[in-house]
Amino acid sequence: MVSSKDSYHLFQRPDNLCRLCGLCCRVATTQYPSEKVVTMAEKGDQGAIDFLSAFEPYNSIDEARQVSAETVDNIIQRLKEDGNYKEDQITFYRCRYLDDNNLCTRYQDRYTLCRHFPASPWAIVPPGCGYEGWLFTKREDIKQKIRKVKEELLELQLLKSKTKSADILIKISAVEKKMLHSIELYKKYGSENW
């Protein structure tokens, strides 16, 4: 389930970083509570349909922790850091198609979400995943861009306070609105704190 703002990262993502450990398939979660994923699938969201076709839920967080406590704890820690952790809204899943050798039994015909994982810089991967460093770098790049936008907003506010022309004030307000929107896009990742 890739959002449009994150989709451009797919074209930048190196394909050779996967270490074939299978942990991202054995212990996975989504950014949505399980009930919402089901509702999204019922409404025709293809990403949700594919996710529920490939992944089945664990009965509890403890059951997922038995598979990989380190992965579960890493996911929970990242969600807490982003301010998005609510224990009653997180469900862990396992892939139906992963065999005992960490190989996908339908690799040639795997779902788009599997082909594209990790699709977002905010994807949470297991500790030691080959994508960890790349994802960290991409998140930091975005955070730096948002910080720069915030600095420019301060400069615009100063310019606004010194401007008397109604036409210029309208243009400044339009630019401010676009800049605030770019910050808002990353709000769920904590952009107000960067």
N, C-alpha and C. Protein backbone atom coordinates (compact mmCIF):
# COMPACT_ATOMS: atom_id res chain seq x y z
N MET A 1 0.84 -1.17 0.00
CA MET A 1 0.00 0.00 0.00
C MET A 1 0.89 1.24 0.00
N VAL A 2 1.18 1.73 -1.17
CA VAL A 2 2.12 2.83 -1.37
C VAL A 2 1.35 4.12 -1.61
N SER A 3 1.69 5.15 -0.86
CA SER A 3 1.06 6.45 -1.08
C SER A 3 1.75 7.14 -2.25
N SER A 4 1.05 8.06 -2.88
CA SER A 4 1.59 8.73 -4.06
C SER A 4 2.85 9.53 -3.73
N LYS A 5 2.92 10.12 -2.53
CA LYS A 5 4.10 10.91 -2.20
C LYS A 5 5.34 10.03 -2.00
N ASP A 6 5.12 8.76 -1.65
CA ASP A 6 6.25 7.86 -1.45
C ASP A 6 6.61 7.08 -2.71
N SER A 7 5.72 7.07 -3.70
CA SER A 7 5.92 6.20 -4.86
C SER A 7 7.19 6.53 -5.64
N TYR A 8 7.63 7.78 -5.63
CA TYR A 8 8.83 8.11 -6.40
C TYR A 8 10.08 7.46 -5.83
N HIS A 9 10.03 7.02 -4.58
CA HIS A 9 11.18 6.34 -3.99
C HIS A 9 11.39 4.97 -4.61
N LEU A 10 10.34 4.41 -5.21
CA LEU A 10 10.48 3.12 -5.87
C LEU A 10 11.51 3.19 -6.99
N PHE A 11 11.58 4.31 -7.67
CA PHE A 11 12.49 4.44 -8.79
C PHE A 11 13.93 4.66 -8.34
N GLN A 12 14.11 5.04 -7.08
CA GLN A 12 15.44 5.28 -6.54
C GLN A 12 15.96 4.06 -5.78
N ARG A 13 15.08 3.19 -5.37
CA ARG A 13 15.45 2.09 -4.48
C ARG A 13 16.34 1.08 -5.19
N PRO A 14 17.51 0.81 -4.63
CA PRO A 14 18.37 -0.22 -5.20
C PRO A 14 17.75 -1.60 -4.93
N ASP A 15 17.80 -2.48 -5.92
CA ASP A 15 17.19 -3.81 -5.77
C ASP A 15 18.13 -4.84 -5.14
N ASN A 16 19.38 -4.51 -5.01
CA ASN A 16 20.36 -5.51 -4.59
C ASN A 16 20.66 -5.52 -3.09
N LEU A 17 19.88 -4.84 -2.28
CA LEU A 17 20.18 -4.74 -0.86
C LEU A 17 19.52 -5.82 0.00
N CYS A 18 18.55 -6.53 -0.57
CA CYS A 18 17.85 -7.56 0.20
C CYS A 18 18.81 -8.69 0.55
N ARG A 19 18.79 -9.10 1.82
CA ARG A 19 19.67 -10.18 2.31
C ARG A 19 18.96 -11.53 2.37
N LEU A 20 17.71 -11.56 1.90
CA LEU A 20 16.93 -12.80 1.82
C LEU A 20 16.77 -13.50 3.16
N CYS A 21 16.62 -12.72 4.22
CA CYS A 21 16.44 -13.30 5.56
C CYS A 21 15.00 -13.74 5.79
N GLY A 22 14.06 -13.16 5.06
CA GLY A 22 12.65 -13.51 5.17
C GLY A 22 11.92 -12.89 6.34
N LEU A 23 12.61 -12.09 7.17
CA LEU A 23 11.94 -11.53 8.35
C LEU A 23 10.85 -10.54 8.00
N CYS A 24 11.01 -9.78 6.93
CA CYS A 24 9.96 -8.83 6.55
C CYS A 24 8.71 -9.56 6.09
N CYS A 25 8.84 -10.82 5.72
CA CYS A 25 7.69 -11.63 5.32
C CYS A 25 7.13 -12.40 6.51
N ARG A 26 7.98 -12.70 7.48
CA ARG A 26 7.54 -13.47 8.65
C ARG A 26 6.88 -12.60 9.71
N VAL A 27 7.30 -11.33 9.80
CA VAL A 27 6.73 -10.41 10.79
C VAL A 27 6.53 -9.06 10.10
N ALA A 28 5.29 -8.82 9.71
CA ALA A 28 4.95 -7.58 8.99
C ALA A 28 3.78 -6.90 9.69
N THR A 29 3.62 -5.63 9.41
CA THR A 29 2.45 -4.90 9.89
C THR A 29 2.13 -3.83 8.85
N THR A 30 1.06 -3.10 9.08
CA THR A 30 0.68 -2.02 8.18
C THR A 30 0.57 -0.74 8.99
N GLN A 31 0.41 0.37 8.30
CA GLN A 31 0.23 1.65 8.99
C GLN A 31 -1.20 1.81 9.48
N TYR A 32 -2.06 0.86 9.15
CA TYR A 32 -3.47 0.95 9.52
C TYR A 32 -3.87 -0.18 10.46
N PRO A 33 -4.84 0.06 11.33
CA PRO A 33 -5.39 -1.03 12.14
C PRO A 33 -6.00 -2.10 11.22
N SER A 34 -6.02 -3.33 11.67
CA SER A 34 -6.48 -4.44 10.82
C SER A 34 -7.91 -4.22 10.32
N GLU A 35 -8.77 -3.63 11.14
CA GLU A 35 -10.15 -3.39 10.71
C GLU A 35 -10.20 -2.44 9.52
N LYS A 36 -9.32 -1.46 9.52
CA LYS A 36 -9.30 -0.50 8.41
C LYS A 36 -8.78 -1.17 7.14
N VAL A 37 -7.79 -2.05 7.28
CA VAL A 37 -7.27 -2.77 6.11
C VAL A 37 -8.39 -3.61 5.49
N VAL A 38 -9.18 -4.28 6.33
CA VAL A 38 -10.30 -5.08 5.84
C VAL A 38 -11.31 -4.18 5.13
N THR A 39 -11.64 -3.04 5.72
CA THR A 39 -12.58 -2.11 5.12
C THR A 39 -12.05 -1.59 3.78
N MET A 40 -10.77 -1.26 3.75
CA MET A 40 -10.17 -0.78 2.50
C MET A 40 -10.29 -1.85 1.41
N ALA A 41 -10.02 -3.11 1.78
CA ALA A 41 -10.13 -4.21 0.82
C ALA A 41 -11.57 -4.36 0.34
N GLU A 42 -12.51 -4.26 1.25
CA GLU A 42 -13.93 -4.39 0.89
C GLU A 42 -14.36 -3.28 -0.06
N LYS A 43 -13.72 -2.11 0.04
CA LYS A 43 -14.05 -0.98 -0.83
C LYS A 43 -13.26 -1.02 -2.14
N GLY A 44 -12.45 -2.07 -2.34
CA GLY A 44 -11.75 -2.25 -3.60
C GLY A 44 -10.32 -1.76 -3.66
N ASP A 45 -9.73 -1.33 -2.54
CA ASP A 45 -8.34 -0.89 -2.54
C ASP A 45 -7.44 -2.09 -2.87
N GLN A 46 -6.78 -2.04 -4.02
CA GLN A 46 -6.00 -3.19 -4.48
C GLN A 46 -4.83 -3.51 -3.56
N GLY A 47 -4.19 -2.50 -3.01
CA GLY A 47 -3.09 -2.75 -2.07
C GLY A 47 -3.55 -3.52 -0.85
N ALA A 48 -4.72 -3.15 -0.31
CA ALA A 48 -5.27 -3.85 0.85
C ALA A 48 -5.70 -5.26 0.47
N ILE A 49 -6.30 -5.41 -0.71
CA ILE A 49 -6.71 -6.75 -1.18
C ILE A 49 -5.49 -7.66 -1.29
N ASP A 50 -4.43 -7.16 -1.93
CA ASP A 50 -3.22 -7.95 -2.08
C ASP A 50 -2.59 -8.28 -0.74
N PHE A 51 -2.55 -7.28 0.15
CA PHE A 51 -1.95 -7.53 1.46
C PHE A 51 -2.67 -8.65 2.19
N LEU A 52 -3.99 -8.58 2.22
CA LEU A 52 -4.76 -9.60 2.93
C LEU A 52 -4.73 -10.95 2.22
N SER A 53 -4.46 -10.94 0.91
CA SER A 53 -4.31 -12.20 0.19
C SER A 53 -2.99 -12.87 0.52
N ALA A 54 -1.96 -12.06 0.73
CA ALA A 54 -0.62 -12.61 1.00
C ALA A 54 -0.37 -12.85 2.48
N PHE A 55 -0.92 -12.00 3.33
CA PHE A 55 -0.57 -12.05 4.75
C PHE A 55 -1.76 -12.47 5.62
N GLU A 56 -1.44 -13.28 6.63
CA GLU A 56 -2.45 -13.67 7.61
C GLU A 56 -2.00 -13.16 8.97
N PRO A 57 -2.94 -12.74 9.80
CA PRO A 57 -2.57 -12.15 11.09
C PRO A 57 -2.13 -13.19 12.12
N TYR A 58 -1.20 -12.77 12.96
CA TYR A 58 -0.89 -13.55 14.16
C TYR A 58 -2.04 -13.33 15.13
N ASN A 59 -2.21 -14.24 16.06
CA ASN A 59 -3.28 -14.12 17.05
C ASN A 59 -2.97 -13.05 18.10
N SER A 60 -1.67 -12.74 18.26
CA SER A 60 -1.29 -11.75 19.27
C SER A 60 0.11 -11.22 18.95
N ILE A 61 0.44 -10.12 19.60
CA ILE A 61 1.80 -9.58 19.47
C ILE A 61 2.80 -10.60 20.01
N ASP A 62 2.45 -11.28 21.08
CA ASP A 62 3.36 -12.28 21.66
C ASP A 62 3.64 -13.42 20.68
N GLU A 63 2.63 -13.83 19.92
CA GLU A 63 2.84 -14.89 18.93
C GLU A 63 3.84 -14.42 17.87
N ALA A 64 3.71 -13.18 17.41
CA ALA A 64 4.67 -12.63 16.44
C ALA A 64 6.05 -12.51 17.08
N ARG A 65 6.09 -12.13 18.34
CA ARG A 65 7.35 -11.98 19.06
C ARG A 65 8.10 -13.33 19.15
N GLN A 66 7.38 -14.43 19.19
CA GLN A 66 8.02 -15.75 19.22
C GLN A 66 8.77 -16.04 17.92
N VAL A 67 8.31 -15.45 16.82
CA VAL A 67 8.97 -15.62 15.53
C VAL A 67 10.22 -14.75 15.48
N SER A 68 10.09 -13.49 15.89
CA SER A 68 11.23 -12.57 15.92
C SER A 68 10.93 -11.42 16.86
N ALA A 69 11.33 -11.60 18.12
CA ALA A 69 11.12 -10.54 19.12
C ALA A 69 11.84 -9.27 18.70
N GLU A 70 13.02 -9.41 18.13
CA GLU A 70 13.79 -8.24 17.72
C GLU A 70 13.05 -7.42 16.66
N THR A 71 12.42 -8.10 15.71
CA THR A 71 11.69 -7.41 14.67
C THR A 71 10.45 -6.72 15.23
N VAL A 72 9.69 -7.45 16.06
CA VAL A 72 8.49 -6.87 16.68
C VAL A 72 8.87 -5.65 17.51
N ASP A 73 9.89 -5.79 18.34
CA ASP A 73 10.30 -4.68 19.20
C ASP A 73 10.82 -3.49 18.39
N ASN A 74 11.50 -3.77 17.28
CA ASN A 74 11.98 -2.71 16.40
C ASN A 74 10.81 -1.94 15.79
N ILE A 75 9.80 -2.66 15.34
CA ILE A 75 8.63 -2.01 14.75
C ILE A 75 7.92 -1.16 15.79
N ILE A 76 7.71 -1.73 16.97
CA ILE A 76 7.02 -0.98 18.04
C ILE A 76 7.82 0.25 18.43
N GLN A 77 9.14 0.12 18.55
CA GLN A 77 9.97 1.26 18.92
C GLN A 77 9.88 2.38 17.88
N ARG A 78 9.96 2.01 16.58
CA ARG A 78 9.86 3.02 15.52
C ARG A 78 8.50 3.72 15.54
N LEU A 79 7.43 2.94 15.76
CA LEU A 79 6.10 3.54 15.82
C LEU A 79 5.98 4.49 17.01
N LYS A 80 6.60 4.13 18.12
CA LYS A 80 6.58 5.01 19.30
C LYS A 80 7.35 6.30 19.00
N GLU A 81 8.49 6.17 18.36
CA GLU A 81 9.30 7.35 18.01
C GLU A 81 8.53 8.30 17.09
N ASP A 82 7.75 7.73 16.17
CA ASP A 82 6.97 8.55 15.24
C ASP A 82 5.66 9.02 15.86
N GLY A 83 5.37 8.57 17.09
CA GLY A 83 4.12 8.95 17.76
C GLY A 83 2.91 8.23 17.20
N ASN A 84 3.13 7.08 16.57
CA ASN A 84 2.04 6.35 15.93
C ASN A 84 1.74 5.00 16.57
N TYR A 85 2.19 4.77 17.78
CA TYR A 85 1.99 3.45 18.40
C TYR A 85 0.77 3.45 19.31
N LYS A 86 -0.14 2.55 18.99
CA LYS A 86 -1.30 2.27 19.84
C LYS A 86 -1.44 0.75 19.83
N GLU A 87 -1.15 0.12 20.96
CA GLU A 87 -1.10 -1.34 21.01
C GLU A 87 -2.37 -2.00 20.49
N ASP A 88 -3.51 -1.40 20.78
CA ASP A 88 -4.77 -2.00 20.34
C ASP A 88 -5.04 -1.80 18.85
N GLN A 89 -4.16 -1.06 18.16
CA GLN A 89 -4.35 -0.82 16.74
C GLN A 89 -3.26 -1.42 15.87
N ILE A 90 -2.41 -2.24 16.46
CA ILE A 90 -1.35 -2.87 15.67
C ILE A 90 -1.59 -4.37 15.60
N THR A 91 -1.46 -4.88 14.41
CA THR A 91 -1.58 -6.31 14.16
C THR A 91 -0.34 -6.73 13.39
N PHE A 92 0.23 -7.84 13.79
CA PHE A 92 1.36 -8.40 13.06
C PHE A 92 0.87 -9.54 12.19
N TYR A 93 1.52 -9.69 11.03
CA TYR A 93 1.11 -10.66 10.03
C TYR A 93 2.31 -11.50 9.59
N ARG A 94 2.01 -12.64 8.97
CA ARG A 94 3.03 -13.48 8.33
C ARG A 94 2.56 -13.81 6.92
N CYS A 95 3.51 -13.95 6.02
CA CYS A 95 3.19 -14.26 4.64
C CYS A 95 2.81 -15.74 4.51
N ARG A 96 1.77 -15.98 3.76
CA ARG A 96 1.30 -17.35 3.51
C ARG A 96 2.22 -18.09 2.54
N TYR A 97 3.02 -17.35 1.78
CA TYR A 97 3.76 -17.94 0.67
C TYR A 97 5.26 -18.11 0.92
N LEU A 98 5.71 -17.84 2.12
CA LEU A 98 7.13 -17.98 2.43
C LEU A 98 7.40 -19.40 2.89
N ASP A 99 8.38 -20.06 2.28
CA ASP A 99 8.67 -21.43 2.69
C ASP A 99 9.73 -21.45 3.80
N ASP A 100 10.10 -22.63 4.26
CA ASP A 100 11.04 -22.78 5.37
C ASP A 100 12.45 -22.30 5.04
N ASN A 101 12.75 -22.13 3.74
CA ASN A 101 14.07 -21.65 3.32
C ASN A 101 14.06 -20.15 2.99
N ASN A 102 13.03 -19.45 3.46
CA ASN A 102 12.86 -18.01 3.22
C ASN A 102 12.67 -17.67 1.75
N LEU A 103 12.14 -18.59 1.00
CA LEU A 103 11.88 -18.36 -0.41
C LEU A 103 10.38 -18.20 -0.64
N CYS A 104 10.04 -17.32 -1.53
CA CYS A 104 8.65 -17.08 -1.87
C CYS A 104 8.19 -18.17 -2.84
N THR A 105 7.13 -18.85 -2.48
CA THR A 105 6.63 -19.93 -3.33
C THR A 105 5.90 -19.42 -4.56
N ARG A 106 5.67 -18.11 -4.64
CA ARG A 106 5.06 -17.52 -5.83
C ARG A 106 5.86 -16.30 -6.28
N TYR A 107 7.18 -16.41 -6.20
CA TYR A 107 8.06 -15.28 -6.47
C TYR A 107 7.82 -14.66 -7.85
N GLN A 108 7.71 -15.47 -8.89
CA GLN A 108 7.53 -14.94 -10.25
C GLN A 108 6.19 -14.22 -10.40
N ASP A 109 5.22 -14.58 -9.57
CA ASP A 109 3.88 -14.00 -9.65
C ASP A 109 3.51 -13.29 -8.35
N ARG A 110 4.52 -12.76 -7.66
CA ARG A 110 4.25 -12.13 -6.36
C ARG A 110 3.50 -10.81 -6.55
N TYR A 111 2.88 -10.37 -5.46
CA TYR A 111 2.09 -9.15 -5.49
C TYR A 111 2.99 -7.93 -5.67
N THR A 112 2.40 -6.86 -6.20
CA THR A 112 3.13 -5.61 -6.41
C THR A 112 3.70 -5.10 -5.09
N LEU A 113 2.94 -5.19 -4.01
CA LEU A 113 3.45 -4.70 -2.73
C LEU A 113 4.71 -5.44 -2.31
N CYS A 114 4.82 -6.71 -2.68
CA CYS A 114 6.03 -7.48 -2.37
C CYS A 114 7.19 -7.07 -3.27
N ARG A 115 6.88 -6.85 -4.54
CA ARG A 115 7.92 -6.42 -5.49
C ARG A 115 8.51 -5.08 -5.09
N HIS A 116 7.69 -4.22 -4.50
CA HIS A 116 8.10 -2.85 -4.20
C HIS A 116 8.61 -2.63 -2.78
N PHE A 117 8.54 -3.63 -1.94
CA PHE A 117 8.95 -3.42 -0.55
C PHE A 117 10.46 -3.29 -0.45
N PRO A 118 10.96 -2.31 0.30
CA PRO A 118 10.30 -1.20 0.96
C PRO A 118 10.07 -0.05 0.00
N ALA A 119 8.84 0.41 -0.07
CA ALA A 119 8.45 1.44 -1.03
C ALA A 119 8.53 2.84 -0.47
N SER A 120 8.51 2.97 0.83
CA SER A 120 8.52 4.28 1.48
C SER A 120 9.74 4.39 2.38
N PRO A 121 10.33 5.58 2.47
CA PRO A 121 11.45 5.75 3.41
C PRO A 121 11.05 5.45 4.85
N TRP A 122 9.75 5.45 5.12
CA TRP A 122 9.28 5.17 6.49
C TRP A 122 8.90 3.71 6.69
N ALA A 123 9.18 2.89 5.69
CA ALA A 123 8.96 1.45 5.87
C ALA A 123 9.84 0.99 7.03
N ILE A 124 9.28 0.15 7.86
CA ILE A 124 10.04 -0.37 9.00
C ILE A 124 10.51 -1.76 8.63
N VAL A 125 11.81 -1.92 8.60
CA VAL A 125 12.41 -3.20 8.22
C VAL A 125 13.05 -3.85 9.44
N PRO A 126 13.26 -5.16 9.38
CA PRO A 126 13.89 -5.84 10.51
C PRO A 126 15.30 -5.33 10.76
N PRO A 127 15.75 -5.37 12.01
CA PRO A 127 17.13 -4.98 12.32
C PRO A 127 18.11 -5.80 11.47
N GLY A 128 19.10 -5.13 10.91
CA GLY A 128 20.09 -5.80 10.09
C GLY A 128 19.70 -5.94 8.63
N CYS A 129 18.50 -5.46 8.27
CA CYS A 129 18.05 -5.53 6.88
C CYS A 129 19.01 -4.72 6.00
N GLY A 130 19.25 -5.20 4.81
CA GLY A 130 20.13 -4.50 3.88
C GLY A 130 19.62 -3.12 3.48
N TYR A 131 18.33 -2.89 3.66
CA TYR A 131 17.76 -1.59 3.31
C TYR A 131 17.81 -0.58 4.44
N GLU A 132 18.22 -0.99 5.63
CA GLU A 132 18.19 -0.08 6.79
C GLU A 132 18.91 1.24 6.54
N GLY A 133 20.14 1.18 6.07
CA GLY A 133 20.92 2.40 5.84
C GLY A 133 20.34 3.26 4.74
N TRP A 134 19.90 2.64 3.67
CA TRP A 134 19.31 3.39 2.56
C TRP A 134 18.05 4.12 3.02
N LEU A 135 17.18 3.42 3.77
CA LEU A 135 15.95 4.04 4.26
C LEU A 135 16.25 5.19 5.21
N PHE A 136 17.22 4.99 6.10
CA PHE A 136 17.61 6.05 7.03
C PHE A 136 18.05 7.30 6.27
N THR A 137 18.89 7.10 5.25
CA THR A 137 19.38 8.22 4.45
C THR A 137 18.24 8.95 3.76
N LYS A 138 17.29 8.21 3.20
CA LYS A 138 16.15 8.83 2.52
C LYS A 138 15.27 9.61 3.51
N ARG A 139 15.04 9.04 4.70
CA ARG A 139 14.25 9.77 5.72
C ARG A 139 14.95 11.06 6.11
N GLU A 140 16.25 10.99 6.32
CA GLU A 140 17.01 12.19 6.71
C GLU A 140 17.00 13.23 5.61
N ASP A 141 17.06 12.80 4.34
CA ASP A 141 16.97 13.76 3.23
C ASP A 141 15.64 14.52 3.27
N ILE A 142 14.57 13.79 3.51
CA ILE A 142 13.24 14.42 3.56
C ILE A 142 13.16 15.35 4.76
N LYS A 143 13.65 14.91 5.90
CA LYS A 143 13.62 15.76 7.10
C LYS A 143 14.39 17.06 6.85
N GLN A 144 15.53 16.95 6.17
CA GLN A 144 16.32 18.15 5.88
C GLN A 144 15.56 19.09 4.96
N LYS A 145 14.86 18.54 3.97
CA LYS A 145 14.06 19.37 3.07
C LYS A 145 12.94 20.07 3.83
N ILE A 146 12.30 19.37 4.74
CA ILE A 146 11.22 19.98 5.53
C ILE A 146 11.79 21.08 6.43
N ARG A 147 12.95 20.83 7.02
CA ARG A 147 13.58 21.88 7.85
C ARG A 147 13.86 23.12 7.02
N LYS A 148 14.33 22.92 5.80
CA LYS A 148 14.61 24.04 4.90
C LYS A 148 13.32 24.79 4.57
N VAL A 149 12.23 24.06 4.33
CA VAL A 149 10.94 24.69 4.06
C VAL A 149 10.51 25.54 5.27
N LYS A 150 10.72 25.01 6.46
CA LYS A 150 10.36 25.77 7.67
C LYS A 150 11.18 27.05 7.80
N GLU A 151 12.46 26.97 7.46
CA GLU A 151 13.30 28.18 7.48
C GLU A 151 12.78 29.21 6.47
N GLU A 152 12.42 28.73 5.29
CA GLU A 152 11.91 29.62 4.26
C GLU A 152 10.56 30.23 4.68
N LEU A 153 9.76 29.46 5.40
CA LEU A 153 8.50 29.99 5.92
C LEU A 153 8.75 31.16 6.88
N LEU A 154 9.75 31.02 7.72
CA LEU A 154 10.09 32.12 8.64
C LEU A 154 10.51 33.36 7.86
N GLU A 155 11.29 33.16 6.80
CA GLU A 155 11.71 34.29 5.97
C GLU A 155 10.51 34.94 5.28
N LEU A 156 9.56 34.10 4.84
CA LEU A 156 8.35 34.64 4.22
C LEU A 156 7.52 35.44 5.21
N GLN A 157 7.44 34.96 6.44
CA GLN A 157 6.69 35.70 7.46
C GLN A 157 7.32 37.06 7.73
N LEU A 158 8.64 37.10 7.74
CA LEU A 158 9.33 38.38 7.91
C LEU A 158 9.05 39.30 6.72
N LEU A 159 9.14 38.75 5.52
CA LEU A 159 8.85 39.53 4.32
C LEU A 159 7.40 40.03 4.34
N LYS A 160 6.51 39.17 4.77
CA LYS A 160 5.09 39.52 4.85
C LYS A 160 4.86 40.70 5.81
N SER A 161 5.58 40.68 6.91
CA SER A 161 5.41 41.76 7.89
C SER A 161 5.93 43.10 7.37
N LYS A 162 6.81 43.06 6.39
CA LYS A 162 7.39 44.29 5.86
C LYS A 162 6.72 44.73 4.54
N THR A 163 5.80 43.91 4.03
CA THR A 163 5.18 44.20 2.73
C THR A 163 3.82 44.86 2.92
N LYS A 164 3.58 45.84 2.11
CA LYS A 164 2.30 46.55 2.17
C LYS A 164 1.45 46.28 0.92
N SER A 165 2.07 45.80 -0.14
CA SER A 165 1.37 45.56 -1.40
C SER A 165 0.43 44.35 -1.27
N ALA A 166 -0.84 44.58 -1.57
CA ALA A 166 -1.84 43.50 -1.48
C ALA A 166 -1.52 42.38 -2.47
N ASP A 167 -1.05 42.72 -3.68
CA ASP A 167 -0.72 41.70 -4.68
C ASP A 167 0.41 40.80 -4.20
N ILE A 168 1.44 41.41 -3.63
CA ILE A 168 2.58 40.63 -3.13
C ILE A 168 2.15 39.77 -1.95
N LEU A 169 1.31 40.32 -1.08
CA LEU A 169 0.82 39.55 0.07
C LEU A 169 0.02 38.33 -0.38
N ILE A 170 -0.75 38.47 -1.44
CA ILE A 170 -1.52 37.33 -1.98
C ILE A 170 -0.57 36.26 -2.50
N LYS A 171 0.49 36.69 -3.20
CA LYS A 171 1.47 35.73 -3.73
C LYS A 171 2.22 35.04 -2.60
N ILE A 172 2.59 35.80 -1.58
CA ILE A 172 3.27 35.21 -0.42
C ILE A 172 2.37 34.18 0.25
N SER A 173 1.11 34.50 0.42
CA SER A 173 0.16 33.57 1.05
C SER A 173 0.01 32.29 0.24
N ALA A 174 0.01 32.40 -1.09
CA ALA A 174 -0.09 31.22 -1.95
C ALA A 174 1.14 30.32 -1.78
N VAL A 175 2.30 30.94 -1.73
CA VAL A 175 3.53 30.17 -1.53
C VAL A 175 3.54 29.52 -0.15
N GLU A 176 3.13 30.28 0.86
CA GLU A 176 3.04 29.73 2.22
C GLU A 176 2.14 28.51 2.27
N LYS A 177 1.02 28.60 1.60
CA LYS A 177 0.06 27.49 1.60
C LYS A 177 0.70 26.22 1.02
N LYS A 178 1.42 26.36 -0.08
CA LYS A 178 2.10 25.21 -0.70
C LYS A 178 3.16 24.65 0.24
N MET A 179 3.89 25.51 0.91
CA MET A 179 4.94 25.07 1.81
C MET A 179 4.35 24.34 3.02
N LEU A 180 3.27 24.87 3.55
CA LEU A 180 2.60 24.22 4.68
C LEU A 180 2.05 22.86 4.27
N HIS A 181 1.58 22.78 3.05
CA HIS A 181 1.07 21.49 2.55
C HIS A 181 2.19 20.45 2.49
N SER A 182 3.37 20.85 2.05
CA SER A 182 4.48 19.90 1.97
C SER A 182 4.87 19.40 3.36
N ILE A 183 4.76 20.24 4.37
CA ILE A 183 5.03 19.81 5.75
C ILE A 183 3.93 18.86 6.22
N GLU A 184 2.71 19.20 5.89
CA GLU A 184 1.54 18.39 6.30
C GLU A 184 1.61 16.97 5.73
N LEU A 185 2.16 16.81 4.53
CA LEU A 185 2.27 15.49 3.91
C LEU A 185 3.02 14.50 4.80
N TYR A 186 3.93 15.00 5.61
CA TYR A 186 4.77 14.14 6.45
C TYR A 186 4.41 14.24 7.93
N LYS A 187 3.25 14.79 8.21
CA LYS A 187 2.83 14.97 9.60
C LYS A 187 2.78 13.66 10.36
N LYS A 188 2.27 12.61 9.72
CA LYS A 188 2.16 11.32 10.42
C LYS A 188 3.53 10.74 10.75
N TYR A 189 4.58 11.27 10.15
CA TYR A 189 5.94 10.83 10.46
C TYR A 189 6.64 11.78 11.42
N GLY A 190 5.92 12.81 11.88
CA GLY A 190 6.48 13.71 12.88
C GLY A 190 7.06 15.00 12.34
N SER A 191 6.64 15.45 11.16
CA SER A 191 7.24 16.63 10.53
C SER A 191 7.14 17.89 11.39
N GLU A 192 6.16 17.96 12.29
CA GLU A 192 6.06 19.15 13.12
C GLU A 192 7.22 19.26 14.11
N ASN A 193 7.96 18.18 14.32
CA ASN A 193 9.08 18.18 15.26
C ASN A 193 10.45 18.27 14.59
N TRP A 194 10.50 18.35 13.27
CA TRP A 194 11.81 18.37 12.59
C TRP A 194 12.37 19.77 12.52
